[in-house]
Structures are given as structure tokens and as C-alpha cells.
Amino acid sequence: MDIVLHHALVDATLAQAAAPGGGNAAQAIASGIVSLSVLALLALAFTLKAALIAAAVWLDITWPALCARAVSHYQERPRRCYVAGLINAALGTFLALLLIATKVLAIVGLLMLVVLAFLVVLGFATSYRAAARRLDPDGIDALRGLVRGGIVTELVFLLPLLGQVYHLNVLVRGLGAATLAMLQRRRPA
């Protein structure tokens, strides 16, 4: 489908450039390239968003107790989540990059970045679950609700400026909730 769209756009651009009075050929080709670049970036963004939702579903299936603890923190302790998320994002990233730069402890720094990426995905899964609970308080089908919450959360990202601010909020708060859930000791049953 992308190839067909690409060929149609190139053909239209070249036809416009070749037509008498059709304008500057280089300008027409440049606008076609810009259009294709924008479409490629949108396709990449949608693919990454879909992968994030799929990873959230996988985490929820694989570690349901950890996800439940993270959702509990996300909803009951929002201020702690923000503080933990900001500290973890700033300090954790700085420390990991510092360790990578030393080259002696680069493996430790890379492992820290992997853990941080895991916590970010867990944080987004947490925010998707919280959005799903707001959309459907009864929560009849938890997995379908998680996907629905993920789609709604990721679609909000498309709103100019407001969507990005909301996404940053979700990222920091979710990262904090995931960090607090990982640090929480399990109570004996």
C-alpha cells in the first residue's frame, strides 16, 4: 500500500512539473519528498504506539501482581508517583549514561537503561489500565479494557501540545508508579 501511494505521489508530482506552466520541477519534487517523509514518520509513530500497547498487554499477562501494585500506586499515591518518576527519570538516566561513558562500567550502565526502559513500559501499561478503569469502571474484560485504554491514551498524543503534555504526565507518573511497585516488598500471605 505504501509503495502504491509512493508511486502515485511521484507520478502526480512529475506530471505537475512537466505540465506547461506547472511550476518548478525541483520545488514539486521537494514537496513530494517532504510529504513522503511526513507519512513515513506517521507510520513509524503509529507502529511504535502499537508496539507499546502490545508490550503493555504482554506485561499485564506475564506479571499481573506487579501491574496491579503499580496501578494501586498510580491511583492512590499520585504525588509520590510524580516525585519517584522525576527522580528515576533524571537521576537514573544520568547515572546510566555516566556509567556508559566511563567504559569500565558500561555493561552496568546498559543494564540500568534496560531496567529503565522496562519501567517506562510498565508505567505506560499502568496508565493504560488506569484509563481503562475510567472508561469502564466495571472492568468486565480486563484485557480488552487495557487495549482500549492504551488506544485512547495514545490517541490523545495526537492533540497538538496538549497531547504531548498529557503524555509527559503519563510517562512521569507511570514511571514513578512502576518504580514504587518494584520497590514495594511483598507482604506475606
N, C-alpha and C. Protein backbone atom coordinates (compact mmCIF):
# COMPACT_ATOMS: atom_id res chain seq x y z
N MET A 1 0.83 -1.19 0.00
CA MET A 1 0.00 0.00 0.00
C MET A 1 0.87 1.25 0.00
N ASP A 2 1.95 1.24 0.79
CA ASP A 2 2.83 2.39 0.81
C ASP A 2 3.52 2.58 -0.53
N ILE A 3 3.84 1.48 -1.20
CA ILE A 3 4.51 1.58 -2.50
C ILE A 3 3.56 2.18 -3.52
N VAL A 4 2.29 1.77 -3.50
CA VAL A 4 1.30 2.32 -4.42
C VAL A 4 1.12 3.81 -4.17
N LEU A 5 1.03 4.19 -2.91
CA LEU A 5 0.88 5.61 -2.56
C LEU A 5 2.11 6.39 -2.98
N HIS A 6 3.28 5.81 -2.79
CA HIS A 6 4.52 6.46 -3.18
C HIS A 6 4.56 6.71 -4.68
N HIS A 7 4.22 5.65 -5.48
CA HIS A 7 4.24 5.80 -6.93
C HIS A 7 3.21 6.82 -7.41
N ALA A 8 2.04 6.81 -6.80
CA ALA A 8 1.01 7.77 -7.20
C ALA A 8 1.45 9.20 -6.91
N LEU A 9 2.08 9.40 -5.78
CA LEU A 9 2.55 10.74 -5.41
C LEU A 9 3.68 11.20 -6.32
N VAL A 10 4.61 10.30 -6.64
CA VAL A 10 5.70 10.65 -7.54
C VAL A 10 5.17 10.94 -8.94
N ASP A 11 4.25 10.11 -9.44
CA ASP A 11 3.67 10.34 -10.76
C ASP A 11 2.95 11.68 -10.83
N ALA A 12 2.18 12.00 -9.80
CA ALA A 12 1.46 13.27 -9.78
C ALA A 12 2.42 14.45 -9.71
N THR A 13 3.47 14.29 -8.94
CA THR A 13 4.45 15.37 -8.82
C THR A 13 5.18 15.59 -10.14
N LEU A 14 5.58 14.51 -10.79
CA LEU A 14 6.28 14.65 -12.07
C LEU A 14 5.35 15.18 -13.15
N ALA A 15 4.09 14.76 -13.15
CA ALA A 15 3.14 15.28 -14.13
C ALA A 15 2.91 16.77 -13.94
N GLN A 16 2.85 17.20 -12.69
CA GLN A 16 2.68 18.62 -12.41
C GLN A 16 3.91 19.40 -12.86
N ALA A 17 5.09 18.84 -12.63
CA ALA A 17 6.32 19.53 -13.01
C ALA A 17 6.50 19.60 -14.52
N ALA A 18 6.05 18.56 -15.23
CA ALA A 18 6.22 18.51 -16.69
C ALA A 18 5.17 19.32 -17.43
N ALA A 19 4.05 19.59 -16.82
CA ALA A 19 2.97 20.31 -17.49
C ALA A 19 3.41 21.75 -17.77
N PRO A 20 2.94 22.30 -18.91
CA PRO A 20 3.29 23.69 -19.19
C PRO A 20 2.72 24.60 -18.11
N GLY A 21 3.58 25.44 -17.57
CA GLY A 21 3.15 26.35 -16.51
C GLY A 21 2.95 25.62 -15.20
N GLY A 22 3.48 24.40 -15.09
CA GLY A 22 3.28 23.58 -13.91
C GLY A 22 4.17 23.95 -12.76
N GLY A 23 5.09 24.82 -12.95
CA GLY A 23 5.93 25.27 -11.85
C GLY A 23 7.31 24.67 -11.92
N ASN A 24 8.04 24.91 -10.92
CA ASN A 24 9.42 24.47 -10.84
C ASN A 24 9.45 22.98 -10.51
N ALA A 25 10.15 22.19 -11.31
CA ALA A 25 10.19 20.74 -11.10
C ALA A 25 10.88 20.39 -9.79
N ALA A 26 11.93 21.09 -9.47
CA ALA A 26 12.66 20.80 -8.23
C ALA A 26 11.79 21.09 -7.01
N GLN A 27 11.01 22.16 -7.09
CA GLN A 27 10.13 22.51 -5.97
C GLN A 27 9.04 21.46 -5.81
N ALA A 28 8.51 20.96 -6.91
CA ALA A 28 7.46 19.95 -6.85
C ALA A 28 8.00 18.64 -6.29
N ILE A 29 9.20 18.27 -6.71
CA ILE A 29 9.80 17.04 -6.20
C ILE A 29 10.13 17.18 -4.72
N ALA A 30 10.61 18.35 -4.31
CA ALA A 30 10.91 18.58 -2.90
C ALA A 30 9.66 18.50 -2.05
N SER A 31 8.55 19.04 -2.53
CA SER A 31 7.31 18.94 -1.75
C SER A 31 6.83 17.50 -1.67
N GLY A 32 7.06 16.73 -2.73
CA GLY A 32 6.70 15.30 -2.70
C GLY A 32 7.54 14.53 -1.69
N ILE A 33 8.82 14.87 -1.63
CA ILE A 33 9.71 14.21 -0.67
C ILE A 33 9.31 14.56 0.76
N VAL A 34 8.97 15.81 0.99
CA VAL A 34 8.52 16.22 2.32
C VAL A 34 7.24 15.48 2.71
N SER A 35 6.32 15.36 1.76
CA SER A 35 5.06 14.65 2.04
C SER A 35 5.33 13.19 2.38
N LEU A 36 6.20 12.55 1.62
CA LEU A 36 6.53 11.16 1.91
C LEU A 36 7.23 11.01 3.26
N SER A 37 8.07 11.96 3.60
CA SER A 37 8.77 11.91 4.89
C SER A 37 7.78 12.03 6.04
N VAL A 38 6.81 12.91 5.90
CA VAL A 38 5.79 13.06 6.94
C VAL A 38 4.98 11.78 7.08
N LEU A 39 4.61 11.17 5.95
CA LEU A 39 3.86 9.91 6.01
C LEU A 39 4.69 8.80 6.65
N ALA A 40 5.99 8.76 6.34
CA ALA A 40 6.86 7.75 6.94
C ALA A 40 6.98 7.96 8.45
N LEU A 41 7.09 9.20 8.89
CA LEU A 41 7.16 9.48 10.33
C LEU A 41 5.87 9.10 11.04
N LEU A 42 4.74 9.38 10.40
CA LEU A 42 3.45 8.99 10.99
C LEU A 42 3.33 7.47 11.08
N ALA A 43 3.75 6.77 10.04
CA ALA A 43 3.71 5.31 10.07
C ALA A 43 4.60 4.76 11.17
N LEU A 44 5.78 5.34 11.33
CA LEU A 44 6.69 4.92 12.39
C LEU A 44 6.09 5.19 13.77
N ALA A 45 5.48 6.36 13.95
CA ALA A 45 4.86 6.70 15.24
C ALA A 45 3.72 5.73 15.57
N PHE A 46 2.87 5.43 14.60
CA PHE A 46 1.77 4.50 14.85
C PHE A 46 2.28 3.10 15.15
N THR A 47 3.35 2.69 14.48
CA THR A 47 3.94 1.38 14.74
C THR A 47 4.51 1.31 16.16
N LEU A 48 5.20 2.36 16.57
CA LEU A 48 5.75 2.39 17.94
C LEU A 48 4.64 2.41 18.99
N LYS A 49 3.57 3.16 18.73
CA LYS A 49 2.45 3.21 19.68
C LYS A 49 1.78 1.84 19.78
N ALA A 50 1.60 1.16 18.65
CA ALA A 50 1.01 -0.18 18.67
C ALA A 50 1.92 -1.16 19.40
N ALA A 51 3.23 -1.04 19.22
CA ALA A 51 4.17 -1.91 19.92
C ALA A 51 4.13 -1.66 21.43
N LEU A 52 3.96 -0.41 21.83
CA LEU A 52 3.88 -0.08 23.25
C LEU A 52 2.61 -0.68 23.86
N ILE A 53 1.52 -0.62 23.15
CA ILE A 53 0.28 -1.23 23.64
C ILE A 53 0.44 -2.74 23.73
N ALA A 54 1.06 -3.37 22.73
CA ALA A 54 1.29 -4.82 22.75
C ALA A 54 2.20 -5.21 23.91
N ALA A 55 3.23 -4.42 24.16
CA ALA A 55 4.12 -4.69 25.29
C ALA A 55 3.38 -4.56 26.61
N ALA A 56 2.48 -3.59 26.70
CA ALA A 56 1.69 -3.41 27.92
C ALA A 56 0.79 -4.62 28.16
N VAL A 57 0.19 -5.14 27.11
CA VAL A 57 -0.65 -6.33 27.24
C VAL A 57 0.20 -7.52 27.69
N TRP A 58 1.38 -7.66 27.09
CA TRP A 58 2.27 -8.75 27.46
C TRP A 58 2.67 -8.66 28.93
N LEU A 59 3.02 -7.45 29.38
CA LEU A 59 3.39 -7.27 30.79
C LEU A 59 2.23 -7.60 31.72
N ASP A 60 1.04 -7.19 31.34
CA ASP A 60 -0.13 -7.43 32.19
C ASP A 60 -0.43 -8.93 32.29
N ILE A 61 -0.17 -9.65 31.22
CA ILE A 61 -0.40 -11.10 31.25
C ILE A 61 0.72 -11.81 32.00
N THR A 62 1.96 -11.35 31.80
CA THR A 62 3.12 -12.02 32.38
C THR A 62 3.28 -11.75 33.87
N TRP A 63 3.11 -10.49 34.28
CA TRP A 63 3.29 -10.11 35.69
C TRP A 63 2.05 -9.38 36.20
N PRO A 64 0.96 -10.09 36.40
CA PRO A 64 -0.28 -9.41 36.83
C PRO A 64 -0.18 -8.79 38.23
N ALA A 65 0.53 -9.42 39.15
CA ALA A 65 0.64 -8.87 40.51
C ALA A 65 1.44 -7.57 40.51
N LEU A 66 2.53 -7.53 39.75
CA LEU A 66 3.34 -6.32 39.65
C LEU A 66 2.53 -5.19 39.01
N CYS A 67 1.79 -5.52 37.97
CA CYS A 67 0.95 -4.50 37.30
C CYS A 67 -0.15 -4.00 38.24
N ALA A 68 -0.72 -4.90 39.03
CA ALA A 68 -1.77 -4.49 39.97
C ALA A 68 -1.20 -3.57 41.05
N ARG A 69 0.01 -3.88 41.55
CA ARG A 69 0.64 -2.99 42.53
C ARG A 69 0.93 -1.62 41.93
N ALA A 70 1.39 -1.60 40.68
CA ALA A 70 1.69 -0.33 40.02
C ALA A 70 0.43 0.50 39.83
N VAL A 71 -0.67 -0.14 39.45
CA VAL A 71 -1.94 0.58 39.28
C VAL A 71 -2.42 1.13 40.61
N SER A 72 -2.23 0.35 41.67
CA SER A 72 -2.62 0.80 43.00
C SER A 72 -1.85 2.06 43.39
N HIS A 73 -0.55 2.07 43.16
CA HIS A 73 0.26 3.27 43.45
C HIS A 73 -0.17 4.43 42.56
N TYR A 74 -0.42 4.15 41.29
CA TYR A 74 -0.79 5.19 40.32
C TYR A 74 -2.06 5.92 40.75
N GLN A 75 -3.02 5.17 41.28
CA GLN A 75 -4.30 5.77 41.63
C GLN A 75 -4.34 6.31 43.06
N GLU A 76 -3.64 5.67 43.99
CA GLU A 76 -3.74 6.05 45.39
C GLU A 76 -2.67 7.05 45.84
N ARG A 77 -1.54 7.08 45.18
CA ARG A 77 -0.43 7.95 45.58
C ARG A 77 0.13 8.73 44.39
N PRO A 78 -0.65 9.62 43.79
CA PRO A 78 -0.16 10.31 42.58
C PRO A 78 1.05 11.20 42.84
N ARG A 79 1.09 11.88 43.99
CA ARG A 79 2.24 12.76 44.27
C ARG A 79 3.53 11.98 44.43
N ARG A 80 3.45 10.87 45.15
CA ARG A 80 4.64 10.03 45.29
C ARG A 80 5.10 9.50 43.94
N CYS A 81 4.14 9.19 43.10
CA CYS A 81 4.47 8.69 41.77
C CYS A 81 5.20 9.75 40.95
N TYR A 82 4.73 10.99 41.03
CA TYR A 82 5.41 12.07 40.30
C TYR A 82 6.83 12.26 40.81
N VAL A 83 6.99 12.30 42.12
CA VAL A 83 8.32 12.51 42.68
C VAL A 83 9.25 11.34 42.31
N ALA A 84 8.78 10.12 42.50
CA ALA A 84 9.60 8.96 42.16
C ALA A 84 9.90 8.91 40.67
N GLY A 85 8.93 9.28 39.85
CA GLY A 85 9.14 9.28 38.40
C GLY A 85 10.16 10.31 37.96
N LEU A 86 10.07 11.51 38.53
CA LEU A 86 11.04 12.56 38.19
C LEU A 86 12.45 12.18 38.64
N ILE A 87 12.56 11.67 39.85
CA ILE A 87 13.87 11.27 40.37
C ILE A 87 14.45 10.13 39.54
N ASN A 88 13.63 9.15 39.25
CA ASN A 88 14.10 8.00 38.48
C ASN A 88 14.48 8.40 37.07
N ALA A 89 13.66 9.25 36.43
CA ALA A 89 13.97 9.66 35.06
C ALA A 89 15.25 10.47 35.00
N ALA A 90 15.39 11.43 35.89
CA ALA A 90 16.56 12.31 35.84
C ALA A 90 17.81 11.60 36.36
N LEU A 91 17.75 11.11 37.58
CA LEU A 91 18.92 10.51 38.21
C LEU A 91 19.30 9.18 37.57
N GLY A 92 18.30 8.37 37.29
CA GLY A 92 18.59 7.06 36.68
C GLY A 92 19.21 7.19 35.30
N THR A 93 18.67 8.08 34.48
CA THR A 93 19.23 8.28 33.15
C THR A 93 20.64 8.86 33.24
N PHE A 94 20.82 9.86 34.09
CA PHE A 94 22.14 10.48 34.25
C PHE A 94 23.16 9.46 34.71
N LEU A 95 22.82 8.67 35.72
CA LEU A 95 23.76 7.69 36.26
C LEU A 95 24.08 6.61 35.22
N ALA A 96 23.07 6.16 34.50
CA ALA A 96 23.31 5.13 33.48
C ALA A 96 24.23 5.67 32.38
N LEU A 97 23.97 6.88 31.92
CA LEU A 97 24.82 7.47 30.88
C LEU A 97 26.23 7.74 31.39
N LEU A 98 26.35 8.12 32.65
CA LEU A 98 27.67 8.33 33.24
C LEU A 98 28.45 7.03 33.30
N LEU A 99 27.79 5.96 33.68
CA LEU A 99 28.45 4.66 33.73
C LEU A 99 28.86 4.18 32.34
N ILE A 100 28.02 4.44 31.36
CA ILE A 100 28.36 4.06 29.99
C ILE A 100 29.55 4.86 29.50
N ALA A 101 29.62 6.13 29.86
CA ALA A 101 30.73 6.99 29.43
C ALA A 101 32.06 6.58 30.04
N THR A 102 32.04 5.96 31.21
CA THR A 102 33.31 5.55 31.83
C THR A 102 33.94 4.37 31.11
N LYS A 103 33.17 3.64 30.37
CA LYS A 103 33.59 2.47 29.59
C LYS A 103 34.04 1.30 30.46
N VAL A 104 34.38 1.55 31.71
CA VAL A 104 34.74 0.46 32.60
C VAL A 104 33.48 -0.24 33.09
N LEU A 105 32.48 0.55 33.42
CA LEU A 105 31.21 0.01 33.91
C LEU A 105 30.08 0.18 32.89
N ALA A 106 30.43 0.13 31.61
CA ALA A 106 29.44 0.35 30.56
C ALA A 106 28.33 -0.70 30.59
N ILE A 107 28.68 -1.93 30.92
CA ILE A 107 27.68 -3.00 30.98
C ILE A 107 26.65 -2.69 32.06
N VAL A 108 27.10 -2.21 33.20
CA VAL A 108 26.18 -1.85 34.28
C VAL A 108 25.27 -0.71 33.83
N GLY A 109 25.83 0.28 33.14
CA GLY A 109 25.03 1.39 32.62
C GLY A 109 24.00 0.92 31.61
N LEU A 110 24.39 0.02 30.73
CA LEU A 110 23.44 -0.52 29.75
C LEU A 110 22.33 -1.31 30.44
N LEU A 111 22.69 -2.07 31.46
CA LEU A 111 21.66 -2.81 32.22
C LEU A 111 20.70 -1.85 32.91
N MET A 112 21.25 -0.75 33.42
CA MET A 112 20.38 0.26 34.05
C MET A 112 19.41 0.86 33.03
N LEU A 113 19.89 1.10 31.81
CA LEU A 113 19.00 1.63 30.77
C LEU A 113 17.92 0.61 30.38
N VAL A 114 18.27 -0.65 30.38
CA VAL A 114 17.29 -1.70 30.09
C VAL A 114 16.22 -1.74 31.18
N VAL A 115 16.65 -1.66 32.43
CA VAL A 115 15.69 -1.64 33.55
C VAL A 115 14.81 -0.40 33.47
N LEU A 116 15.42 0.73 33.13
CA LEU A 116 14.65 1.97 32.99
C LEU A 116 13.62 1.86 31.86
N ALA A 117 14.02 1.25 30.75
CA ALA A 117 13.07 1.05 29.64
C ALA A 117 11.94 0.11 30.06
N PHE A 118 12.26 -0.94 30.82
CA PHE A 118 11.23 -1.84 31.34
C PHE A 118 10.25 -1.08 32.23
N LEU A 119 10.79 -0.22 33.10
CA LEU A 119 9.93 0.56 33.99
C LEU A 119 9.06 1.55 33.21
N VAL A 120 9.58 2.11 32.13
CA VAL A 120 8.77 3.02 31.30
C VAL A 120 7.61 2.26 30.66
N VAL A 121 7.89 1.08 30.12
CA VAL A 121 6.81 0.28 29.51
C VAL A 121 5.80 -0.14 30.58
N LEU A 122 6.28 -0.54 31.75
CA LEU A 122 5.38 -0.88 32.85
C LEU A 122 4.57 0.34 33.28
N GLY A 123 5.18 1.51 33.26
CA GLY A 123 4.46 2.74 33.59
C GLY A 123 3.37 3.05 32.59
N PHE A 124 3.65 2.86 31.31
CA PHE A 124 2.60 3.07 30.32
C PHE A 124 1.49 2.03 30.46
N ALA A 125 1.86 0.78 30.75
CA ALA A 125 0.84 -0.25 30.98
C ALA A 125 -0.05 0.14 32.16
N THR A 126 0.56 0.71 33.19
CA THR A 126 -0.19 1.17 34.36
C THR A 126 -1.16 2.27 33.98
N SER A 127 -0.69 3.23 33.20
CA SER A 127 -1.58 4.33 32.80
C SER A 127 -2.69 3.83 31.88
N TYR A 128 -2.40 2.84 31.04
CA TYR A 128 -3.45 2.27 30.18
C TYR A 128 -4.53 1.60 31.03
N ARG A 129 -4.09 0.88 32.07
CA ARG A 129 -5.05 0.21 32.96
C ARG A 129 -5.88 1.25 33.71
N ALA A 130 -5.25 2.33 34.15
CA ALA A 130 -5.99 3.39 34.85
C ALA A 130 -7.00 4.05 33.91
N ALA A 131 -6.61 4.28 32.67
CA ALA A 131 -7.54 4.84 31.69
C ALA A 131 -8.68 3.87 31.40
N ALA A 132 -8.36 2.59 31.36
CA ALA A 132 -9.40 1.58 31.13
C ALA A 132 -10.41 1.55 32.28
N ARG A 133 -9.93 1.74 33.50
CA ARG A 133 -10.84 1.77 34.65
C ARG A 133 -11.73 3.00 34.63
N ARG A 134 -11.20 4.12 34.10
CA ARG A 134 -12.05 5.32 33.97
C ARG A 134 -13.08 5.14 32.86
N LEU A 135 -12.70 4.45 31.79
CA LEU A 135 -13.63 4.24 30.67
C LEU A 135 -14.70 3.22 31.00
N ASP A 136 -14.30 2.15 31.71
CA ASP A 136 -15.23 1.08 32.06
C ASP A 136 -14.99 0.68 33.52
N PRO A 137 -15.70 1.34 34.45
CA PRO A 137 -15.45 1.06 35.87
C PRO A 137 -15.76 -0.38 36.27
N ASP A 138 -16.66 -1.05 35.54
CA ASP A 138 -17.00 -2.44 35.87
C ASP A 138 -15.86 -3.39 35.51
N GLY A 139 -15.13 -3.07 34.44
CA GLY A 139 -13.97 -3.86 34.03
C GLY A 139 -14.30 -5.31 33.75
N ILE A 140 -15.32 -5.54 32.93
CA ILE A 140 -15.76 -6.91 32.65
C ILE A 140 -14.65 -7.70 31.95
N ASP A 141 -14.07 -7.15 30.90
CA ASP A 141 -12.99 -7.81 30.17
C ASP A 141 -11.72 -6.99 30.35
N ALA A 142 -10.85 -7.46 31.24
CA ALA A 142 -9.66 -6.68 31.62
C ALA A 142 -8.70 -6.49 30.45
N LEU A 143 -8.49 -7.51 29.65
CA LEU A 143 -7.55 -7.41 28.54
C LEU A 143 -8.05 -6.45 27.46
N ARG A 144 -9.30 -6.55 27.13
CA ARG A 144 -9.89 -5.65 26.14
C ARG A 144 -9.90 -4.21 26.67
N GLY A 145 -10.15 -4.05 27.96
CA GLY A 145 -10.11 -2.73 28.57
C GLY A 145 -8.71 -2.13 28.53
N LEU A 146 -7.70 -2.96 28.75
CA LEU A 146 -6.31 -2.49 28.68
C LEU A 146 -5.98 -1.98 27.27
N VAL A 147 -6.38 -2.73 26.26
CA VAL A 147 -6.14 -2.30 24.88
C VAL A 147 -6.90 -1.02 24.58
N ARG A 148 -8.14 -0.95 25.02
CA ARG A 148 -8.95 0.25 24.79
C ARG A 148 -8.34 1.46 25.51
N GLY A 149 -7.90 1.27 26.73
CA GLY A 149 -7.25 2.36 27.46
C GLY A 149 -5.95 2.79 26.79
N GLY A 150 -5.21 1.83 26.25
CA GLY A 150 -3.99 2.15 25.53
C GLY A 150 -4.26 2.93 24.26
N ILE A 151 -5.28 2.54 23.53
CA ILE A 151 -5.62 3.25 22.29
C ILE A 151 -6.06 4.67 22.60
N VAL A 152 -6.89 4.84 23.62
CA VAL A 152 -7.35 6.19 23.97
C VAL A 152 -6.17 7.05 24.43
N THR A 153 -5.31 6.49 25.27
CA THR A 153 -4.16 7.25 25.76
C THR A 153 -3.24 7.65 24.62
N GLU A 154 -3.00 6.75 23.70
CA GLU A 154 -2.11 7.05 22.58
C GLU A 154 -2.76 7.99 21.56
N LEU A 155 -4.07 7.93 21.43
CA LEU A 155 -4.74 8.87 20.52
C LEU A 155 -4.72 10.30 21.06
N VAL A 156 -4.73 10.43 22.38
CA VAL A 156 -4.64 11.76 22.99
C VAL A 156 -3.32 12.42 22.61
N PHE A 157 -2.29 11.61 22.39
CA PHE A 157 -0.98 12.13 22.00
C PHE A 157 -1.05 12.94 20.70
N LEU A 158 -2.03 12.65 19.86
CA LEU A 158 -2.14 13.35 18.57
C LEU A 158 -2.63 14.78 18.70
N LEU A 159 -3.19 15.13 19.86
CA LEU A 159 -3.61 16.52 20.06
C LEU A 159 -2.39 17.42 20.14
N PRO A 160 -2.39 18.51 19.39
CA PRO A 160 -1.20 19.38 19.43
C PRO A 160 -0.98 19.97 20.81
N LEU A 161 0.22 19.92 21.28
CA LEU A 161 0.73 20.44 22.54
C LEU A 161 0.06 19.81 23.76
N LEU A 162 -1.25 19.85 23.84
CA LEU A 162 -1.94 19.26 24.98
C LEU A 162 -1.67 17.77 25.07
N GLY A 163 -1.65 17.11 23.92
CA GLY A 163 -1.37 15.67 23.90
C GLY A 163 0.02 15.34 24.38
N GLN A 164 0.99 16.16 24.01
CA GLN A 164 2.36 15.91 24.44
C GLN A 164 2.53 16.18 25.94
N VAL A 165 1.87 17.20 26.44
CA VAL A 165 1.90 17.49 27.88
C VAL A 165 1.26 16.32 28.65
N TYR A 166 0.14 15.84 28.16
CA TYR A 166 -0.53 14.70 28.80
C TYR A 166 0.38 13.47 28.78
N HIS A 167 1.04 13.24 27.64
CA HIS A 167 1.91 12.08 27.52
C HIS A 167 3.11 12.17 28.47
N LEU A 168 3.64 13.36 28.64
CA LEU A 168 4.74 13.55 29.59
C LEU A 168 4.26 13.28 31.01
N ASN A 169 3.05 13.71 31.32
CA ASN A 169 2.43 13.44 32.61
C ASN A 169 2.29 11.93 32.83
N VAL A 170 1.79 11.24 31.81
CA VAL A 170 1.61 9.79 31.90
C VAL A 170 2.96 9.10 32.06
N LEU A 171 3.97 9.57 31.34
CA LEU A 171 5.29 8.98 31.42
C LEU A 171 5.89 9.11 32.82
N VAL A 172 5.87 10.31 33.37
CA VAL A 172 6.49 10.54 34.69
C VAL A 172 5.71 9.81 35.78
N ARG A 173 4.40 9.97 35.78
CA ARG A 173 3.59 9.33 36.82
C ARG A 173 3.64 7.81 36.73
N GLY A 174 3.58 7.29 35.50
CA GLY A 174 3.66 5.84 35.30
C GLY A 174 5.01 5.27 35.69
N LEU A 175 6.08 6.00 35.35
CA LEU A 175 7.42 5.56 35.73
C LEU A 175 7.56 5.53 37.25
N GLY A 176 7.01 6.53 37.90
CA GLY A 176 7.04 6.54 39.37
C GLY A 176 6.24 5.40 39.97
N ALA A 177 5.06 5.14 39.42
CA ALA A 177 4.23 4.03 39.93
C ALA A 177 4.93 2.70 39.71
N ALA A 178 5.56 2.53 38.56
CA ALA A 178 6.28 1.28 38.28
C ALA A 178 7.47 1.12 39.23
N THR A 179 8.18 2.21 39.48
CA THR A 179 9.32 2.17 40.40
C THR A 179 8.88 1.81 41.81
N LEU A 180 7.81 2.46 42.27
CA LEU A 180 7.30 2.16 43.61
C LEU A 180 6.81 0.72 43.72
N ALA A 181 6.19 0.22 42.65
CA ALA A 181 5.71 -1.17 42.67
C ALA A 181 6.87 -2.15 42.71
N MET A 182 7.95 -1.83 42.01
CA MET A 182 9.12 -2.72 42.01
C MET A 182 9.82 -2.70 43.38
N LEU A 183 9.80 -1.55 44.04
CA LEU A 183 10.48 -1.42 45.33
C LEU A 183 9.65 -1.93 46.50
N GLN A 184 8.34 -2.04 46.30
CA GLN A 184 7.44 -2.47 47.38
C GLN A 184 7.72 -3.93 47.70
N ARG A 185 7.90 -4.20 48.97
CA ARG A 185 8.10 -5.56 49.40
C ARG A 185 6.75 -6.26 49.44
N ARG A 186 6.79 -7.50 49.03
CA ARG A 186 5.55 -8.28 49.06
C ARG A 186 5.24 -8.64 50.51
N ARG A 187 3.97 -8.50 50.81
CA ARG A 187 3.52 -8.88 52.16
C ARG A 187 3.28 -10.39 52.20
N PRO A 188 3.67 -11.03 53.26
CA PRO A 188 3.44 -12.47 53.35
C PRO A 188 1.95 -12.77 53.37
N ALA A 189 1.57 -13.83 52.69
CA ALA A 189 0.15 -14.20 52.60
C ALA A 189 -0.31 -14.97 53.80
